[in-house]
């Protein structure tokens, strides 16, 4: 039997990814307005790790860049806005800081998306590098227009709860 050859991506220098060529990373933009946090985060995590590509290799960064806009208008399902707690621990005695999702949304809305995506990646040096390819902005303005990002509209399964409720009523 002849063994089939398959393509495996290789690290390209200190950048972890190819700078030019067919496998060079692309830029995408996601509008998080009225989208559920976890559903958007799972889609973004797939893109920045490269699992949406046929050239996906677990030990090589084959992912793309993602720009998220309108992070302040993201929604939570059920009572998570008041029940979900984000914890930060400094390592010192009484160094635990707790914030609800509502407080985080008012204080640092970008951090909600970043933490959700980080929770969906492997915890490794490569994942830390991949999360740096995620650019999150609270408003609708972003400085990455020169990269010409292509817009990703979340698929039907990523539609917000509000859209689904409105469709049922109509």
C-alpha atoms as a PDB file:
ATOM      1  CA  UNK A   1       0.000   0.000   0.000  1.00  0.00           C
ATOM      2  CA  UNK A   2       1.190   3.441  -0.838  1.00  0.00           C
ATOM      3  CA  UNK A   3       0.891   5.994   1.889  1.00  0.00           C
ATOM      4  CA  UNK A   4      -0.960   9.151   0.959  1.00  0.00           C
ATOM      5  CA  UNK A   5       0.878  12.389   1.533  1.00  0.00           C
ATOM      6  CA  UNK A   6      -0.962  15.069   3.408  1.00  0.00           C
ATOM      7  CA  UNK A   7      -0.139  18.696   3.938  1.00  0.00           C
ATOM      8  CA  UNK A   8       1.111  19.694   7.378  1.00  0.00           C
ATOM      9  CA  UNK A   9       1.736  23.332   8.095  1.00  0.00           C
ATOM     10  CA  UNK A  10       5.164  24.282   9.369  1.00  0.00           C
ATOM     11  CA  UNK A  11       6.311  27.161  11.512  1.00  0.00           C
ATOM     12  CA  UNK A  12       7.590  29.987   9.361  1.00  0.00           C
ATOM     13  CA  UNK A  13      10.287  31.717  11.363  1.00  0.00           C
ATOM     14  CA  UNK A  14       9.590  33.651  14.527  1.00  0.00           C
ATOM     15  CA  UNK A  15       6.082  34.591  13.392  1.00  0.00           C
ATOM     16  CA  UNK A  16       4.559  31.124  13.927  1.00  0.00           C
ATOM     17  CA  UNK A  17       2.661  31.586  10.641  1.00  0.00           C
ATOM     18  CA  UNK A  18       3.365  32.202   6.973  1.00  0.00           C
ATOM     19  CA  UNK A  19       3.656  35.873   6.078  1.00  0.00           C
ATOM     20  CA  UNK A  20       2.811  35.462   2.382  1.00  0.00           C
ATOM     21  CA  UNK A  21       1.293  32.786   0.229  1.00  0.00           C
ATOM     22  CA  UNK A  22      -1.949  30.836   0.108  1.00  0.00           C
ATOM     23  CA  UNK A  23      -1.823  29.928   3.791  1.00  0.00           C
ATOM     24  CA  UNK A  24      -1.117  33.446   5.042  1.00  0.00           C
ATOM     25  CA  UNK A  25      -3.622  34.598   7.675  1.00  0.00           C
ATOM     26  CA  UNK A  26      -6.666  36.537   6.580  1.00  0.00           C
ATOM     27  CA  UNK A  27      -8.550  39.221   8.491  1.00  0.00           C
ATOM     28  CA  UNK A  28     -12.196  38.868   9.470  1.00  0.00           C
ATOM     29  CA  UNK A  29     -14.580  41.243  11.214  1.00  0.00           C
ATOM     30  CA  UNK A  30     -17.444  40.151  13.465  1.00  0.00           C
ATOM     31  CA  UNK A  31     -20.237  42.433  14.650  1.00  0.00           C
ATOM     32  CA  UNK A  32     -21.193  41.278  18.160  1.00  0.00           C
ATOM     33  CA  UNK A  33     -24.268  43.510  18.417  1.00  0.00           C
ATOM     34  CA  UNK A  34     -27.197  41.545  19.931  1.00  0.00           C
ATOM     35  CA  UNK A  35     -25.230  38.270  19.757  1.00  0.00           C
ATOM     36  CA  UNK A  36     -24.949  35.744  22.584  1.00  0.00           C
ATOM     37  CA  UNK A  37     -21.464  35.771  24.137  1.00  0.00           C
ATOM     38  CA  UNK A  38     -20.742  32.046  24.098  1.00  0.00           C
ATOM     39  CA  UNK A  39     -21.958  31.459  20.566  1.00  0.00           C
ATOM     40  CA  UNK A  40     -19.879  34.286  19.133  1.00  0.00           C
ATOM     41  CA  UNK A  41     -16.859  33.235  21.203  1.00  0.00           C
ATOM     42  CA  UNK A  42     -16.972  29.642  19.948  1.00  0.00           C
ATOM     43  CA  UNK A  43     -17.058  30.853  16.346  1.00  0.00           C
ATOM     44  CA  UNK A  44     -14.131  33.228  16.982  1.00  0.00           C
ATOM     45  CA  UNK A  45     -12.103  30.547  18.792  1.00  0.00           C
ATOM     46  CA  UNK A  46     -12.455  28.264  15.785  1.00  0.00           C
ATOM     47  CA  UNK A  47     -11.164  30.975  13.459  1.00  0.00           C
ATOM     48  CA  UNK A  48      -8.153  32.143  15.506  1.00  0.00           C
ATOM     49  CA  UNK A  49      -6.983  28.562  16.114  1.00  0.00           C
ATOM     50  CA  UNK A  50      -7.360  27.704  12.418  1.00  0.00           C
ATOM     51  CA  UNK A  51      -9.812  24.821  12.788  1.00  0.00           C
ATOM     52  CA  UNK A  52     -11.905  26.180   9.930  1.00  0.00           C
ATOM     53  CA  UNK A  53      -9.066  25.559   7.444  1.00  0.00           C
ATOM     54  CA  UNK A  54      -8.120  22.331   5.721  1.00  0.00           C
ATOM     55  CA  UNK A  55      -4.478  22.992   6.613  1.00  0.00           C
ATOM     56  CA  UNK A  56      -5.163  22.903  10.361  1.00  0.00           C
ATOM     57  CA  UNK A  57      -2.234  21.516  12.320  1.00  0.00           C
ATOM     58  CA  UNK A  58      -2.507  21.402  16.139  1.00  0.00           C
ATOM     59  CA  UNK A  59       1.068  22.477  16.903  1.00  0.00           C
ATOM     60  CA  UNK A  60       1.277  25.305  14.320  1.00  0.00           C
ATOM     61  CA  UNK A  61      -0.544  28.620  14.227  1.00  0.00           C
ATOM     62  CA  UNK A  62      -2.710  28.345  11.105  1.00  0.00           C
ATOM     63  CA  UNK A  63      -5.446  30.677  12.342  1.00  0.00           C
ATOM     64  CA  UNK A  64      -6.620  34.036  11.091  1.00  0.00           C
ATOM     65  CA  UNK A  65      -7.025  37.477  12.643  1.00  0.00           C
ATOM     66  CA  UNK A  66     -10.442  38.472  13.983  1.00  0.00           C
ATOM     67  CA  UNK A  67     -11.686  41.988  14.724  1.00  0.00           C
ATOM     68  CA  UNK A  68     -14.760  42.149  16.963  1.00  0.00           C
ATOM     69  CA  UNK A  69     -16.780  45.354  17.061  1.00  0.00           C
ATOM     70  CA  UNK A  70     -19.716  46.415  19.269  1.00  0.00           C
ATOM     71  CA  UNK A  71     -18.563  44.298  22.214  1.00  0.00           C
ATOM     72  CA  UNK A  72     -20.561  46.533  24.552  1.00  0.00           C
ATOM     73  CA  UNK A  73     -23.812  45.433  22.879  1.00  0.00           C
ATOM     74  CA  UNK A  74     -23.321  41.705  23.429  1.00  0.00           C
ATOM     75  CA  UNK A  75     -26.072  39.815  25.291  1.00  0.00           C
ATOM     76  CA  UNK A  76     -26.206  37.044  27.878  1.00  0.00           C
ATOM     77  CA  UNK A  77     -28.938  34.419  28.080  1.00  0.00           C
ATOM     78  CA  UNK A  78     -31.198  33.934  31.081  1.00  0.00           C
ATOM     79  CA  UNK A  79     -29.923  35.516  34.327  1.00  0.00           C
ATOM     80  CA  UNK A  80     -26.206  35.413  33.501  1.00  0.00           C
ATOM     81  CA  UNK A  81     -25.987  39.194  33.437  1.00  0.00           C
ATOM     82  CA  UNK A  82     -26.362  39.214  37.246  1.00  0.00           C
ATOM     83  CA  UNK A  83     -25.394  35.636  38.160  1.00  0.00           C
ATOM     84  CA  UNK A  84     -22.148  35.178  36.190  1.00  0.00           C
ATOM     85  CA  UNK A  85     -19.126  36.265  38.207  1.00  0.00           C
ATOM     86  CA  UNK A  86     -15.687  37.119  36.810  1.00  0.00           C
ATOM     87  CA  UNK A  87     -12.942  36.525  39.364  1.00  0.00           C
ATOM     88  CA  UNK A  88      -9.412  37.940  39.444  1.00  0.00           C
ATOM     89  CA  UNK A  89      -6.963  36.845  42.111  1.00  0.00           C
ATOM     90  CA  UNK A  90      -3.731  38.750  42.707  1.00  0.00           C
ATOM     91  CA  UNK A  91      -2.143  35.998  44.788  1.00  0.00           C
ATOM     92  CA  UNK A  92      -2.127  38.044  47.971  1.00  0.00           C
ATOM     93  CA  UNK A  93      -4.326  37.697  51.035  1.00  0.00           C
ATOM     94  CA  UNK A  94      -7.710  39.303  50.358  1.00  0.00           C
ATOM     95  CA  UNK A  95      -6.627  39.861  46.757  1.00  0.00           C
ATOM     96  CA  UNK A  96      -9.766  38.361  45.211  1.00  0.00           C
ATOM     97  CA  UNK A  97     -11.789  40.748  43.059  1.00  0.00           C
ATOM     98  CA  UNK A  98     -15.224  39.679  41.885  1.00  0.00           C
ATOM     99  CA  UNK A  99     -17.373  41.408  39.274  1.00  0.00           C
ATOM    100  CA  UNK A 100     -20.706  40.408  37.809  1.00  0.00           C
ATOM    101  CA  UNK A 101     -21.205  40.316  34.062  1.00  0.00           C
ATOM    102  CA  UNK A 102     -23.231  43.531  34.281  1.00  0.00           C
ATOM    103  CA  UNK A 103     -20.308  45.330  35.973  1.00  0.00           C
ATOM    104  CA  UNK A 104     -17.850  43.947  33.426  1.00  0.00           C
ATOM    105  CA  UNK A 105     -20.111  45.087  30.592  1.00  0.00           C
ATOM    106  CA  UNK A 106     -20.089  48.613  32.011  1.00  0.00           C
ATOM    107  CA  UNK A 107     -16.394  48.637  32.965  1.00  0.00           C
ATOM    108  CA  UNK A 108     -14.524  46.517  30.364  1.00  0.00           C
ATOM    109  CA  UNK A 109     -16.819  45.114  27.636  1.00  0.00           C
ATOM    110  CA  UNK A 110     -13.823  43.955  25.539  1.00  0.00           C
ATOM    111  CA  UNK A 111     -12.669  41.689  28.359  1.00  0.00           C
ATOM    112  CA  UNK A 112     -15.880  39.624  28.232  1.00  0.00           C
ATOM    113  CA  UNK A 113     -15.243  38.463  24.664  1.00  0.00           C
ATOM    114  CA  UNK A 114     -11.521  37.963  25.263  1.00  0.00           C
ATOM    115  CA  UNK A 115     -12.072  35.790  28.337  1.00  0.00           C
ATOM    116  CA  UNK A 116     -14.772  33.756  26.614  1.00  0.00           C
ATOM    117  CA  UNK A 117     -12.495  33.032  23.643  1.00  0.00           C
ATOM    118  CA  UNK A 118      -9.539  32.255  25.927  1.00  0.00           C
ATOM    119  CA  UNK A 119     -11.704  29.741  27.768  1.00  0.00           C
ATOM    120  CA  UNK A 120     -12.319  27.910  24.490  1.00  0.00           C
ATOM    121  CA  UNK A 121      -8.653  27.510  23.506  1.00  0.00           C
ATOM    122  CA  UNK A 122      -5.959  25.160  24.720  1.00  0.00           C
ATOM    123  CA  UNK A 123      -3.923  26.617  27.542  1.00  0.00           C
ATOM    124  CA  UNK A 124      -0.470  26.700  25.961  1.00  0.00           C
ATOM    125  CA  UNK A 125       2.140  29.086  24.620  1.00  0.00           C
ATOM    126  CA  UNK A 126       0.668  28.658  21.147  1.00  0.00           C
ATOM    127  CA  UNK A 127      -2.809  29.573  22.418  1.00  0.00           C
ATOM    128  CA  UNK A 128      -1.427  32.696  24.080  1.00  0.00           C
ATOM    129  CA  UNK A 129       0.033  33.678  20.733  1.00  0.00           C
ATOM    130  CA  UNK A 130      -3.237  32.910  18.934  1.00  0.00           C
ATOM    131  CA  UNK A 131      -5.343  35.007  21.325  1.00  0.00           C
ATOM    132  CA  UNK A 132      -3.154  37.991  20.426  1.00  0.00           C
ATOM    133  CA  UNK A 133      -4.711  37.767  16.951  1.00  0.00           C
ATOM    134  CA  UNK A 134      -8.073  38.691  18.468  1.00  0.00           C
ATOM    135  CA  UNK A 135      -8.806  42.433  18.393  1.00  0.00           C
ATOM    136  CA  UNK A 136     -11.892  43.476  20.380  1.00  0.00           C
ATOM    137  CA  UNK A 137     -13.427  46.966  20.390  1.00  0.00           C
ATOM    138  CA  UNK A 138     -16.358  48.254  22.437  1.00  0.00           C
ATOM    139  CA  UNK A 139     -17.725  50.552  19.726  1.00  0.00           C
ATOM    140  CA  UNK A 140     -18.194  50.213  15.998  1.00  0.00           C
ATOM    141  CA  UNK A 141     -14.895  51.938  15.097  1.00  0.00           C
ATOM    142  CA  UNK A 142     -11.642  50.003  14.631  1.00  0.00           C
ATOM    143  CA  UNK A 143      -8.182  50.887  13.276  1.00  0.00           C
ATOM    144  CA  UNK A 144      -7.817  47.810  11.029  1.00  0.00           C
ATOM    145  CA  UNK A 145      -9.470  49.115   7.859  1.00  0.00           C
ATOM    146  CA  UNK A 146      -6.175  48.926   5.943  1.00  0.00           C
ATOM    147  CA  UNK A 147      -6.133  45.124   6.388  1.00  0.00           C
ATOM    148  CA  UNK A 148      -9.440  44.974   4.473  1.00  0.00           C
ATOM    149  CA  UNK A 149     -11.188  42.491   6.775  1.00  0.00           C
ATOM    150  CA  UNK A 150     -14.040  40.464   5.313  1.00  0.00           C
ATOM    151  CA  UNK A 151     -17.230  40.529   7.337  1.00  0.00           C
ATOM    152  CA  UNK A 152     -18.505  37.340   8.896  1.00  0.00           C
ATOM    153  CA  UNK A 153     -22.196  37.210   9.583  1.00  0.00           C
ATOM    154  CA  UNK A 154     -22.974  34.627  12.216  1.00  0.00           C
ATOM    155  CA  UNK A 155     -24.799  31.628  10.777  1.00  0.00           C
ATOM    156  CA  UNK A 156     -28.382  30.833  11.687  1.00  0.00           C
ATOM    157  CA  UNK A 157     -27.257  28.845  14.704  1.00  0.00           C
ATOM    158  CA  UNK A 158     -25.340  31.888  15.956  1.00  0.00           C
ATOM    159  CA  UNK A 159     -28.283  34.275  15.691  1.00  0.00           C
ATOM    160  CA  UNK A 160     -29.228  36.094  18.839  1.00  0.00           C
ATOM    161  CA  UNK A 161     -31.983  35.100  21.189  1.00  0.00           C
ATOM    162  CA  UNK A 162     -33.811  38.316  20.335  1.00  0.00           C
ATOM    163  CA  UNK A 163     -33.966  37.445  16.619  1.00  0.00           C
ATOM    164  CA  UNK A 164     -35.345  33.985  17.410  1.00  0.00           C
ATOM    165  CA  UNK A 165     -38.036  35.392  19.710  1.00  0.00           C
ATOM    166  CA  UNK A 166     -39.033  37.987  17.121  1.00  0.00           C
ATOM    167  CA  UNK A 167     -39.322  35.288  14.442  1.00  0.00           C
ATOM    168  CA  UNK A 168     -41.611  33.201  16.679  1.00  0.00           C
ATOM    169  CA  UNK A 169     -43.913  36.161  17.340  1.00  0.00           C
ATOM    170  CA  UNK A 170     -44.180  37.075  13.653  1.00  0.00           C
END
